[in-house]
Structure formats: structure tokens, C-alpha cells
Amino acid sequence: MNTIADLSPLNRRAEQRAWNWYDWANSAFYTTTLTVLFGPFMITVAGRAAGCGDSADDTCSKTVSVLGLHLAAGSLPSYLTSFATIASAFLLPIVGAMVDRSGRKRLHMAWFAWGGAFFAALLFFMHGDHWQLGAVAVVVASILAGCSLVSYYAILVDISVEHERDTVSARGWAFGYLGGGLLLVLNLVMVELHDSFGIDKELAVRLSLLTAALWWAGFTIIPVLRLRDRPPRDVVPESGGLVHRSFGQLWATLKDLRNYPMTMTFLIAYLFYNDGIQTVIGSAAIYGSKQLHFGDTVLIGAILLIQFVAFGGALLFGRIARTHGAYRCLVVGTVAWMVIVVLAMFLPEKNIALFLAIGVAIALVMGGTQALSRSFYSLFIPAGRAGEYYALYNACERGTSWFGTLLFGVVFQVTGSYRPAIVSLIVFFALGLFFLLRLDPERGIADAGNRTPAIV
């Protein structure tokens, strides 16, 4: 009797490799643009318009008018990010429902990505005191980036079976850290050595913002060509057009979520510990600069170190999850975050070695917890609802990610020191750990109708 080899694992592996390229592609926008260059550059450009001069920094209190509101130029990037975050929280669940019903996750990801890259490229035209185009462009690009990730995360469920997802997700995150880090190195070289290239620093920043957009758009072509679309499965019957049906499915999912208590428990846990992670990442440069009094060279070195060590951290956690399970890794990772913020509070000023050691610890845990959160959550998603449930996942991340920064700012205002502000973030990790420990993974996986991996 002849047997035919099962080639489905090989076919899945080919698509998984293609899928990883979108992490590589979009990380350029998040790293070069949103994390490093956009904020200081927007403050400089808006500061000129407000009358702060070319040396404007985040202390510039003179205002610019945004839709009739007078906002401090030094705070403008934060306000823009917050607006994009809140808008995404409302839009992403609708996008997720539409993605599930269309059966074209790959193309949805592509068009959202290319639209976001187009608006990101418009940041090149922000110069002089013309900040308005940049403000609109970064908001729209951020929203479209979030929309593309809904489709991207949902594709993970299509191209992998349950026991593969931790490894696949970890490789994707690692690939993203590597790609984002490589472009960031090139851009920082161009910015810091701009005279050697015969250009001024501002043009070097604008060119760097443009390269991040082109990188995002260009590398998105690889997964678009190599992934394949699949027809929708098990969607809730709704009449009307695609948008009307998407709202119908969204409402059905919100009602049905109470039937998946473990899914809800994980979302709450993720909401808290991810908020802590995002605040630590976003506040690290401020803490290093204002509290520990490091210069730009040390801070840039720390950013690059974190970027590349996180590559290894994601792969390491993916490997550990194979033998110990993603759930245990997330619990241990959350405890590690609590230890990190306590140690950060006691860092002595201008001690580069200890500062970089904390950076290595952050990078290792950051890469692992983010990668495994994405894959672990997929086990609690009912069949055919990946787009919408990942939209809820992203909405939890984006809609509440300002809680940590608010607490950080309030504690600093009350105490006048960033040390108690950084350690106050332990609250978010403690709450995340509390809900993680209340989670019953096997029950959640069974409730969603998925197969339980040998090791959860």
C-alpha cells in the first residue's frame, strides 16, 4: 500500500517564514519613527511655530492651535500619540470583524500597511515651522499600522496549528527587532554624522523618517506575494453589506465574550502588564536622561542594545516555551518585570554598566513576553473570529496604554523624583500577575474549541 507524505507542515513553514517579514517591515516605523525620531523633531518644528526657537525641547510651554485647542509645543507628540491610540481602540474591533468576513486578510494587511507607509512618508515634508502635515500624517499612519496588525495577527491562526504558534510568534518578534534595529543603526549614523554626508541634521532626520516608510512599504511586498488568503470560517450570519455585517459580528462577539471567561481573564491580565511594559519602554530614556544624567550617546547606545538583545530574548522565550509552556513563561516574565522596576529605582547616577545591565534585562523579558502574549492568546480565540478577537486584543493594548504614563507623571509631580515614578509601575505588573494566576489555560482553550498543546 502506497502512502503519501503529509506536506502540510512544510507548506505551513513556508508561509510562516513569509509571515515573519511583516514584523521586519513594520518595525521600522515603530522604532525609527515613533520611538526615536518623530517626537523630538515634532517638538522642534512645532516649537518654531510657537516661538520657542530652534532649541525647543519638551519644556517648551508656548502653544500651537490644534482644532481650536491651544497645546504646548513640548507636549504635542504625546497628545498626537494619545489621540491615535484612543481612535484605534474604537476602530480596530470594526476592522477585525471586517477582516474575518472578507476572507482577504493578506490583502487587508497590505493595503493598510501601504496606506500607513504613504502617510509616514509625508513626514519628510515636515520642516521649518510647518508641523500641521506631520501631525495629521503620524496620527493616520499610526491608526493604519494598528489596522494592518489586526490582519497580521489573525493570519497567525491560519498558518499554524496550536503547538507551533509560540515558536512562530517568537521568530516574528525577533525578526522585527532585528529589522527595526538595523534600520535604526543606519539612520542614527546618518543623523549623528550628517556633516560627513554633506547635509544638515534636520534633513538627515527627514530622510530617516522617509527611509522608515519606504522600508515598511517595500518589505511588506514579501508576505503579500508569499501568503495566501483563505475563505472565512464560522462567521455569525448577518444581512446587509460588509460594514453592516462587521458591526453585527462585533456586537455578537462582545455579547459572547462572557461565554469565554478565560479569554476575558487573559485580556484583563494583558491590559495591565502590557501597560506596564509600554510605560517602562517609553519612560526609559526620560529616566536615563533626567534622573541618571546620561548624555545622548549613552542613551542611543542603550536603545540599540535593547533592540538587538530583544531579538535574542524573543527567540529564547520561544525555545523555553516549547518545553515549559507559554503560560509559565508569561508568569515568570511578569515577575521579572516587577524585579526590574524595583532595581531601576536604586540605579546610581552615571553608572553606565548597571544602566546597560538593566537595559539587557528589559530587552530579554520584553522580547519574550510580547511574543508569547500574541501566540498564547490565539489559543483562546474561537474558530473564524481571529480578526475580531485580535482587534479586541489590540484595543485593550491601545485603549488603556495611557494609564501607565499617567501614573508615572502623577507620581513624579507629587514626589519631584523619577525614582518613585518608575517603581510605581509595579502596580501594573502585580495586577497582571494576579489575573494571570487566576487563569485556567486548559479550560480557556477547551471553551474556545481549540486543541490543547501538549505543553501550555
Protein backbone atom coordinates (compact mmCIF):
# COMPACT_ATOMS: atom_id res chain seq x y z
CA MET A 1 0.00 0.00 0.00
CA ASN A 2 1.44 3.33 -1.07
CA THR A 3 1.41 6.21 1.37
CA ILE A 4 1.51 9.88 0.55
CA ALA A 5 3.68 12.09 2.72
CA ASP A 6 1.92 14.84 4.59
CA LEU A 7 3.41 18.05 3.18
CA SER A 8 1.20 20.43 5.16
CA PRO A 9 3.91 21.17 7.80
CA LEU A 10 6.31 22.18 5.02
CA ASN A 11 3.68 24.37 3.38
CA ARG A 12 2.89 25.99 6.71
CA ARG A 13 6.58 26.60 7.38
CA ALA A 14 6.97 28.39 4.05
CA GLU A 15 4.07 30.69 4.87
CA GLN A 16 5.37 31.22 8.39
CA ARG A 17 8.70 32.42 7.01
CA ALA A 18 6.86 34.81 4.72
CA TRP A 19 4.69 36.00 7.62
CA ASN A 20 7.78 36.93 9.63
CA TRP A 21 8.71 39.54 7.04
CA TYR A 22 5.86 41.82 8.06
CA ASP A 23 7.31 42.09 11.57
CA TRP A 24 10.57 43.06 9.87
CA ALA A 25 8.73 45.60 7.70
CA ASN A 26 6.54 47.46 10.21
CA SER A 27 9.14 47.56 12.99
CA ALA A 28 10.97 50.29 11.08
CA PHE A 29 8.03 52.65 11.57
CA TYR A 30 7.62 51.84 15.25
CA THR A 31 11.34 52.01 16.03
CA THR A 32 12.84 54.75 13.86
CA THR A 33 9.75 56.96 13.61
CA LEU A 34 7.57 56.60 16.70
CA THR A 35 10.16 55.60 19.31
CA VAL A 36 13.22 57.67 18.41
CA LEU A 37 12.94 60.47 15.85
CA PHE A 38 9.40 61.78 15.46
CA GLY A 39 8.84 63.18 18.96
CA PRO A 40 11.94 65.38 19.27
CA PHE A 41 11.62 66.54 15.65
CA MET A 42 7.94 67.46 16.04
CA ILE A 43 8.76 69.42 19.20
CA THR A 44 11.45 71.34 17.31
CA VAL A 45 9.22 72.15 14.32
CA ALA A 46 6.14 72.99 16.39
CA GLY A 47 8.33 74.92 18.81
CA ARG A 48 9.43 77.23 15.99
CA ALA A 49 5.82 77.90 15.11
CA ALA A 50 5.07 78.61 18.79
CA GLY A 51 8.05 80.94 19.13
CA CYS A 52 10.30 78.69 21.22
CA GLY A 53 13.15 78.80 18.72
CA ASP A 54 15.30 76.02 17.25
CA SER A 55 16.38 74.78 20.68
CA ALA A 56 12.84 73.85 21.71
CA ASP A 57 12.55 70.76 23.92
CA ASP A 58 9.84 69.12 25.98
CA THR A 59 9.89 72.11 28.36
CA CYS A 60 8.58 74.45 25.64
CA SER A 61 5.33 75.75 27.12
CA LYS A 62 4.35 78.08 24.27
CA THR A 63 1.34 76.79 22.40
CA VAL A 64 0.15 75.93 18.93
CA SER A 65 -3.51 75.73 17.92
CA VAL A 66 -4.94 72.28 17.15
CA LEU A 67 -8.64 72.32 16.19
CA GLY A 68 -9.13 75.37 18.37
CA LEU A 69 -7.23 73.91 21.32
CA HIS A 70 -4.04 75.60 22.46
CA LEU A 71 -1.49 72.85 23.16
CA ALA A 72 2.07 73.24 24.41
CA ALA A 73 4.55 72.51 21.64
CA GLY A 74 6.58 70.35 24.02
CA SER A 75 3.55 68.14 24.69
CA LEU A 76 2.28 67.89 21.12
CA PRO A 77 3.81 64.46 20.26
CA SER A 78 2.25 62.95 23.39
CA TYR A 79 -1.16 64.37 22.55
CA LEU A 80 -0.95 63.11 18.97
CA THR A 81 0.04 59.63 20.14
CA SER A 82 -2.78 59.58 22.69
CA PHE A 83 -5.35 60.63 20.07
CA ALA A 84 -4.20 57.93 17.65
CA THR A 85 -4.29 55.38 20.48
CA ILE A 86 -7.84 56.22 21.55
CA ALA A 87 -9.11 56.35 17.95
CA SER A 88 -7.55 52.94 17.30
CA ALA A 89 -9.31 51.45 20.30
CA PHE A 90 -12.66 52.31 18.72
CA LEU A 91 -11.78 51.44 15.11
CA LEU A 92 -9.83 48.21 15.43
CA PRO A 93 -12.72 45.94 16.52
CA ILE A 94 -14.70 47.03 13.47
CA VAL A 95 -11.69 46.38 11.24
CA GLY A 96 -11.24 42.96 12.82
CA ALA A 97 -14.81 41.94 12.09
CA MET A 98 -14.44 43.11 8.51
CA VAL A 99 -11.21 41.14 8.11
CA ASP A 100 -12.86 37.93 9.32
CA ARG A 101 -15.79 38.31 6.93
CA SER A 102 -13.82 39.27 3.84
CA GLY A 103 -11.56 36.23 3.69
CA ARG A 104 -8.75 38.50 2.46
CA LYS A 105 -6.57 39.03 5.49
CA ARG A 106 -3.42 39.21 3.37
CA LEU A 107 -4.75 41.99 1.15
CA HIS A 108 -6.25 43.89 4.07
CA MET A 109 -2.87 43.79 5.79
CA ALA A 110 -1.19 45.02 2.60
CA TRP A 111 -3.47 47.96 1.88
CA PHE A 112 -3.46 49.13 5.50
CA ALA A 113 0.33 48.83 5.53
CA TRP A 114 0.84 50.69 2.27
CA GLY A 115 -1.63 53.38 3.30
CA GLY A 116 0.20 53.78 6.60
CA ALA A 117 3.57 53.90 4.85
CA PHE A 118 2.27 56.61 2.49
CA PHE A 119 1.27 58.84 5.38
CA ALA A 120 4.51 58.03 7.21
CA ALA A 121 6.41 59.18 4.12
CA LEU A 122 4.65 62.55 4.31
CA LEU A 123 6.67 63.26 7.47
CA PHE A 124 9.56 64.06 5.14
CA PHE A 125 7.74 67.28 4.23
CA MET A 126 7.59 68.48 7.84
CA HIS A 127 10.21 71.22 8.05
CA GLY A 128 10.67 74.85 9.04
CA ASP A 129 7.65 75.64 11.20
CA HIS A 130 5.18 73.56 9.15
CA TRP A 131 4.13 70.98 11.73
CA GLN A 132 0.47 70.50 10.70
CA LEU A 133 1.05 67.99 7.91
CA GLY A 134 3.27 65.94 10.22
CA ALA A 135 0.61 65.92 12.93
CA VAL A 136 -2.05 64.55 10.59
CA ALA A 137 0.37 62.12 8.93
CA VAL A 138 1.61 60.49 12.14
CA VAL A 139 -1.91 60.03 13.51
CA VAL A 140 -3.24 58.42 10.32
CA ALA A 141 -0.11 56.30 9.87
CA SER A 142 -0.36 55.03 13.46
CA ILE A 143 -4.03 54.11 13.07
CA LEU A 144 -3.42 52.31 9.77
CA ALA A 145 -0.44 50.47 11.28
CA GLY A 146 -2.72 49.16 14.02
CA CYS A 147 -5.29 48.09 11.43
CA SER A 148 -2.64 46.17 9.50
CA LEU A 149 -1.59 44.33 12.66
CA VAL A 150 -5.13 43.08 13.22
CA SER A 151 -4.96 41.24 9.89
CA TYR A 152 -1.35 40.19 10.50
CA TYR A 153 -2.08 38.64 13.90
CA ALA A 154 -5.17 36.90 12.53
CA ILE A 155 -3.08 35.29 9.79
CA LEU A 156 -1.03 33.56 12.52
CA VAL A 157 -4.05 31.36 13.28
CA ASP A 158 -4.39 30.40 9.60
CA ILE A 159 -0.77 29.42 9.00
CA SER A 160 0.00 27.49 12.20
CA VAL A 161 -1.52 24.83 14.40
CA GLU A 162 -1.76 25.34 18.14
CA HIS A 163 1.56 23.83 19.21
CA GLU A 164 3.53 25.84 16.60
CA ARG A 165 2.35 29.33 17.45
CA ASP A 166 4.73 30.19 20.27
CA THR A 167 7.73 29.45 18.07
CA VAL A 168 6.25 31.22 15.04
CA SER A 169 5.32 34.32 17.02
CA ALA A 170 8.71 34.42 18.75
CA ARG A 171 10.52 34.25 15.41
CA GLY A 172 8.34 37.05 14.08
CA TRP A 173 9.06 39.34 17.05
CA ALA A 174 12.77 38.51 16.84
CA PHE A 175 12.79 39.27 13.13
CA GLY A 176 11.05 42.57 13.84
CA TYR A 177 13.59 43.62 16.46
CA LEU A 178 16.42 42.75 14.09
CA GLY A 179 14.95 44.62 11.12
CA GLY A 180 13.94 47.66 13.14
CA GLY A 181 17.34 47.72 14.83
CA LEU A 182 19.33 47.50 11.59
CA LEU A 183 17.50 50.43 10.01
CA LEU A 184 17.75 52.42 13.23
CA VAL A 185 21.54 51.97 13.25
CA LEU A 186 21.77 53.27 9.68
CA ASN A 187 19.50 56.20 10.47
CA LEU A 188 21.33 57.17 13.64
CA VAL A 189 24.63 57.07 11.77
CA MET A 190 23.17 59.42 9.17
CA VAL A 191 21.76 61.77 11.83
CA GLU A 192 24.81 61.85 14.09
CA LEU A 193 27.34 62.08 11.21
CA HIS A 194 25.23 64.29 8.95
CA ASP A 195 28.14 66.60 8.18
CA SER A 196 30.03 63.68 6.67
CA PHE A 197 27.14 63.18 4.25
CA GLY A 198 27.05 66.87 3.31
CA ILE A 199 23.58 67.50 4.78
CA ASP A 200 22.27 69.31 7.83
CA LYS A 201 20.86 67.42 10.82
CA GLU A 202 17.25 68.29 10.09
CA LEU A 203 17.44 66.90 6.56
CA ALA A 204 19.10 63.77 7.95
CA VAL A 205 16.14 63.28 10.32
CA ARG A 206 13.63 63.85 7.50
CA LEU A 207 15.45 61.35 5.27
CA SER A 208 15.47 58.84 8.11
CA LEU A 209 11.70 59.20 8.53
CA LEU A 210 11.32 58.65 4.79
CA THR A 211 13.50 55.53 4.81
CA ALA A 212 11.36 54.03 7.59
CA ALA A 213 8.25 54.49 5.43
CA LEU A 214 9.93 53.02 2.35
CA TRP A 215 11.27 50.09 4.38
CA TRP A 216 7.76 49.41 5.73
CA ALA A 217 6.15 49.55 2.28
CA GLY A 218 8.90 47.67 0.46
CA PHE A 219 9.28 44.66 2.72
CA THR A 220 5.50 44.26 3.00
CA ILE A 221 5.62 43.02 -0.60
CA ILE A 222 7.27 39.75 0.52
CA PRO A 223 4.41 38.43 2.71
CA VAL A 224 1.83 39.75 0.24
CA LEU A 225 3.34 37.63 -2.54
CA ARG A 226 4.03 34.51 -0.48
CA LEU A 227 0.99 34.26 1.81
CA ARG A 228 -2.38 33.08 0.55
CA ASP A 229 -5.90 34.11 1.50
CA ARG A 230 -8.38 31.66 2.96
CA PRO A 231 -12.18 31.76 2.95
CA PRO A 232 -13.89 32.92 6.16
CA ARG A 233 -15.00 30.26 8.63
CA ASP A 234 -17.79 30.02 11.21
CA VAL A 235 -18.83 33.67 10.94
CA VAL A 236 -22.02 34.90 12.57
CA PRO A 237 -24.82 35.16 9.96
CA GLU A 238 -25.69 38.80 9.31
CA SER A 239 -27.56 40.52 6.49
CA GLY A 240 -26.54 43.71 4.70
CA GLY A 241 -23.23 44.95 3.35
CA LEU A 242 -19.76 44.18 4.62
CA VAL A 243 -19.59 47.15 7.01
CA HIS A 244 -23.09 46.47 8.38
CA ARG A 245 -22.26 42.78 8.85
CA SER A 246 -18.98 43.71 10.54
CA PHE A 247 -20.83 45.77 13.15
CA GLY A 248 -23.20 42.84 13.63
CA GLN A 249 -20.36 40.40 14.24
CA LEU A 250 -18.66 42.85 16.61
CA TRP A 251 -21.80 43.16 18.71
CA ALA A 252 -22.21 39.37 18.72
CA THR A 253 -18.63 38.89 19.90
CA LEU A 254 -18.95 41.42 22.69
CA LYS A 255 -22.06 39.60 23.90
CA ASP A 256 -20.44 36.20 23.50
CA LEU A 257 -17.27 37.20 25.32
CA ARG A 258 -18.97 36.44 28.61
CA ASN A 259 -19.16 32.81 27.46
CA TYR A 260 -15.35 32.73 27.35
CA PRO A 261 -14.35 33.82 30.89
CA MET A 262 -10.75 32.67 30.48
CA THR A 263 -10.38 34.71 27.30
CA MET A 264 -11.63 37.75 29.19
CA THR A 265 -9.34 36.99 32.13
CA PHE A 266 -6.29 36.90 29.87
CA LEU A 267 -7.31 40.13 28.14
CA ILE A 268 -7.53 41.85 31.53
CA ALA A 269 -4.15 40.45 32.58
CA TYR A 270 -2.62 41.57 29.29
CA LEU A 271 -4.18 45.01 29.65
CA PHE A 272 -2.33 45.57 32.92
CA TYR A 273 1.08 44.00 32.37
CA ASN A 274 1.37 45.31 28.80
CA ASP A 275 0.58 48.82 30.03
CA GLY A 276 3.47 48.47 32.45
CA ILE A 277 5.76 47.21 29.68
CA GLN A 278 4.87 50.07 27.33
CA THR A 279 5.38 52.67 30.07
CA VAL A 280 8.79 51.29 31.04
CA ILE A 281 9.87 51.33 27.40
CA GLY A 282 8.51 54.83 26.82
CA SER A 283 9.95 56.25 30.05
CA ALA A 284 13.39 54.64 29.94
CA ALA A 285 15.01 57.50 28.01
CA ILE A 286 13.48 60.11 30.32
CA TYR A 287 14.65 58.20 33.38
CA GLY A 288 18.14 57.77 31.99
CA SER A 289 18.42 61.41 30.93
CA LYS A 290 16.69 63.34 33.71
CA GLN A 291 17.27 61.09 36.75
CA LEU A 292 20.53 59.30 35.97
CA HIS A 293 22.00 62.19 33.93
CA PHE A 294 23.29 60.24 30.94
CA GLY A 295 24.05 62.01 27.68
CA ASP A 296 22.63 61.25 24.26
CA THR A 297 25.49 58.88 23.35
CA VAL A 298 24.75 56.54 26.25
CA LEU A 299 21.00 56.69 25.67
CA ILE A 300 21.36 55.92 21.96
CA GLY A 301 23.68 53.04 22.82
CA ALA A 302 21.13 51.70 25.31
CA ILE A 303 18.32 51.92 22.73
CA LEU A 304 20.35 49.94 20.19
CA LEU A 305 21.44 47.41 22.83
CA ILE A 306 17.82 46.80 23.87
CA GLN A 307 16.75 46.44 20.24
CA PHE A 308 19.26 43.72 19.42
CA VAL A 309 19.17 41.87 22.75
CA ALA A 310 15.36 41.72 22.45
CA PHE A 311 15.95 39.75 19.24
CA GLY A 312 17.64 37.06 21.32
CA GLY A 313 15.09 37.41 24.12
CA ALA A 314 12.19 36.61 21.82
CA LEU A 315 13.95 33.50 20.44
CA LEU A 316 15.00 32.41 23.94
CA PHE A 317 11.47 32.64 25.34
CA GLY A 318 10.14 30.83 22.27
CA ARG A 319 12.57 27.97 22.90
CA ILE A 320 11.75 27.81 26.63
CA ALA A 321 8.02 27.80 25.85
CA ARG A 322 8.47 24.57 23.86
CA THR A 323 9.48 22.68 26.99
CA HIS A 324 7.81 24.67 29.79
CA GLY A 325 4.80 26.25 28.07
CA ALA A 326 3.93 29.85 27.24
CA TYR A 327 1.79 30.29 30.35
CA ARG A 328 4.66 29.64 32.77
CA CYS A 329 6.93 31.88 30.71
CA LEU A 330 4.45 34.75 30.92
CA VAL A 331 4.07 34.33 34.68
CA VAL A 332 7.85 34.29 35.18
CA GLY A 333 8.26 37.19 32.75
CA THR A 334 5.75 39.32 34.65
CA VAL A 335 7.56 38.64 37.94
CA ALA A 336 10.83 39.58 36.22
CA TRP A 337 9.34 42.92 35.18
CA MET A 338 8.46 43.60 38.83
CA VAL A 339 12.06 42.92 39.83
CA ILE A 340 13.36 45.16 37.04
CA VAL A 341 11.39 48.27 38.08
CA VAL A 342 12.47 47.80 41.71
CA LEU A 343 16.13 47.52 40.68
CA ALA A 344 15.77 50.51 38.35
CA MET A 345 14.67 52.64 41.29
CA PHE A 346 18.03 52.10 43.00
CA LEU A 347 20.29 52.63 39.99
CA PRO A 348 23.09 55.07 40.90
CA GLU A 349 23.60 58.14 38.73
CA LYS A 350 26.05 57.95 35.82
CA ASN A 351 26.80 54.25 36.35
CA ILE A 352 26.82 53.13 32.73
CA ALA A 353 27.50 49.44 33.44
CA LEU A 354 24.49 48.99 35.73
CA PHE A 355 22.26 51.07 33.45
CA LEU A 356 23.14 48.87 30.47
CA ALA A 357 22.69 45.73 32.60
CA ILE A 358 19.12 46.81 33.36
CA GLY A 359 18.70 47.50 29.64
CA VAL A 360 19.75 43.92 28.84
CA ALA A 361 17.26 42.57 31.39
CA ILE A 362 14.48 44.72 29.93
CA ALA A 363 15.31 43.55 26.42
CA LEU A 364 15.31 39.85 27.30
CA VAL A 365 11.97 39.97 29.08
CA MET A 366 10.38 42.44 26.67
CA GLY A 367 11.00 40.32 23.59
CA GLY A 368 9.73 37.16 25.25
CA THR A 369 6.60 38.47 26.94
CA GLN A 370 5.38 40.35 23.87
CA ALA A 371 5.96 37.43 21.51
CA LEU A 372 4.35 34.80 23.73
CA SER A 373 1.38 37.01 24.64
CA ARG A 374 0.43 37.16 20.95
CA SER A 375 0.64 33.40 20.42
CA PHE A 376 -0.81 32.35 23.79
CA TYR A 377 -3.90 34.49 23.23
CA SER A 378 -4.58 32.73 19.92
CA LEU A 379 -5.46 29.56 21.86
CA PHE A 380 -8.47 31.33 23.41
CA ILE A 381 -9.95 32.55 20.11
CA PRO A 382 -12.98 30.67 18.67
CA ALA A 383 -12.60 29.44 15.09
CA GLY A 384 -13.26 32.06 12.42
CA ARG A 385 -13.05 35.00 14.82
CA ALA A 386 -9.31 35.68 14.83
CA GLY A 387 -9.52 39.13 13.23
CA GLU A 388 -12.09 40.45 15.64
CA TYR A 389 -10.60 38.86 18.74
CA TYR A 390 -7.15 40.16 17.87
CA ALA A 391 -8.77 43.55 17.36
CA LEU A 392 -10.04 43.35 20.95
CA TYR A 393 -6.51 42.37 21.98
CA ASN A 394 -5.05 45.43 20.25
CA ALA A 395 -7.84 47.63 21.59
CA CYS A 396 -7.00 46.54 25.14
CA GLU A 397 -3.39 47.43 24.44
CA ARG A 398 -4.03 50.77 22.77
CA GLY A 399 -7.11 51.98 24.59
CA THR A 400 -5.54 51.79 28.04
CA SER A 401 -1.84 52.30 27.33
CA TRP A 402 -2.02 55.81 28.77
CA PHE A 403 -2.76 54.59 32.33
CA GLY A 404 0.89 53.84 33.00
CA THR A 405 2.18 57.13 31.64
CA LEU A 406 -0.49 58.95 33.67
CA LEU A 407 0.60 57.25 36.90
CA PHE A 408 4.26 57.85 36.05
CA GLY A 409 3.57 61.57 35.51
CA VAL A 410 1.40 61.99 38.61
CA VAL A 411 3.91 60.28 40.91
CA PHE A 412 6.71 62.45 39.53
CA GLN A 413 4.62 65.59 40.02
CA VAL A 414 3.86 64.66 43.63
CA THR A 415 7.35 63.50 44.61
CA GLY A 416 9.57 65.53 42.27
CA SER A 417 11.63 62.41 41.50
CA TYR A 418 11.54 59.83 38.75
CA ARG A 419 12.66 57.06 41.12
CA PRO A 420 9.29 56.56 42.86
CA ALA A 421 7.64 57.16 39.49
CA ILE A 422 9.43 54.20 37.88
CA VAL A 423 8.82 51.84 40.82
CA SER A 424 5.12 52.80 40.92
CA LEU A 425 4.71 50.83 37.68
CA ILE A 426 4.99 47.63 39.73
CA VAL A 427 1.25 48.08 40.33
CA PHE A 428 0.51 47.18 36.70
CA PHE A 429 2.69 44.08 36.75
CA ALA A 430 1.22 42.98 40.08
CA LEU A 431 -2.33 43.29 38.72
CA GLY A 432 -1.32 41.50 35.53
CA LEU A 433 0.20 38.68 37.59
CA PHE A 434 -2.93 38.48 39.75
CA PHE A 435 -5.16 37.85 36.73
CA LEU A 436 -2.63 35.51 35.10
CA LEU A 437 -2.68 33.35 38.22
CA ARG A 438 -6.48 33.25 38.07
CA LEU A 439 -6.29 31.91 34.52
CA ASP A 440 -7.08 28.26 33.75
CA PRO A 441 -5.45 27.80 30.32
CA GLU A 442 -6.82 24.32 29.63
CA ARG A 443 -10.36 25.44 30.35
CA GLY A 444 -9.98 28.54 28.17
CA ILE A 445 -8.63 26.52 25.24
CA ALA A 446 -11.44 23.96 25.56
CA ASP A 447 -14.10 26.68 25.82
CA ALA A 448 -12.84 28.19 22.54
CA GLY A 449 -12.99 24.79 20.84
CA ASN A 450 -9.26 24.59 20.14
CA ARG A 451 -6.84 21.72 20.63
CA THR A 452 -4.75 21.91 23.77
CA PRO A 453 -1.00 21.68 23.05
CA ALA A 454 0.98 19.01 24.91
CA ILE A 455 2.60 21.80 26.94
CA VAL A 456 0.64 25.01 27.54
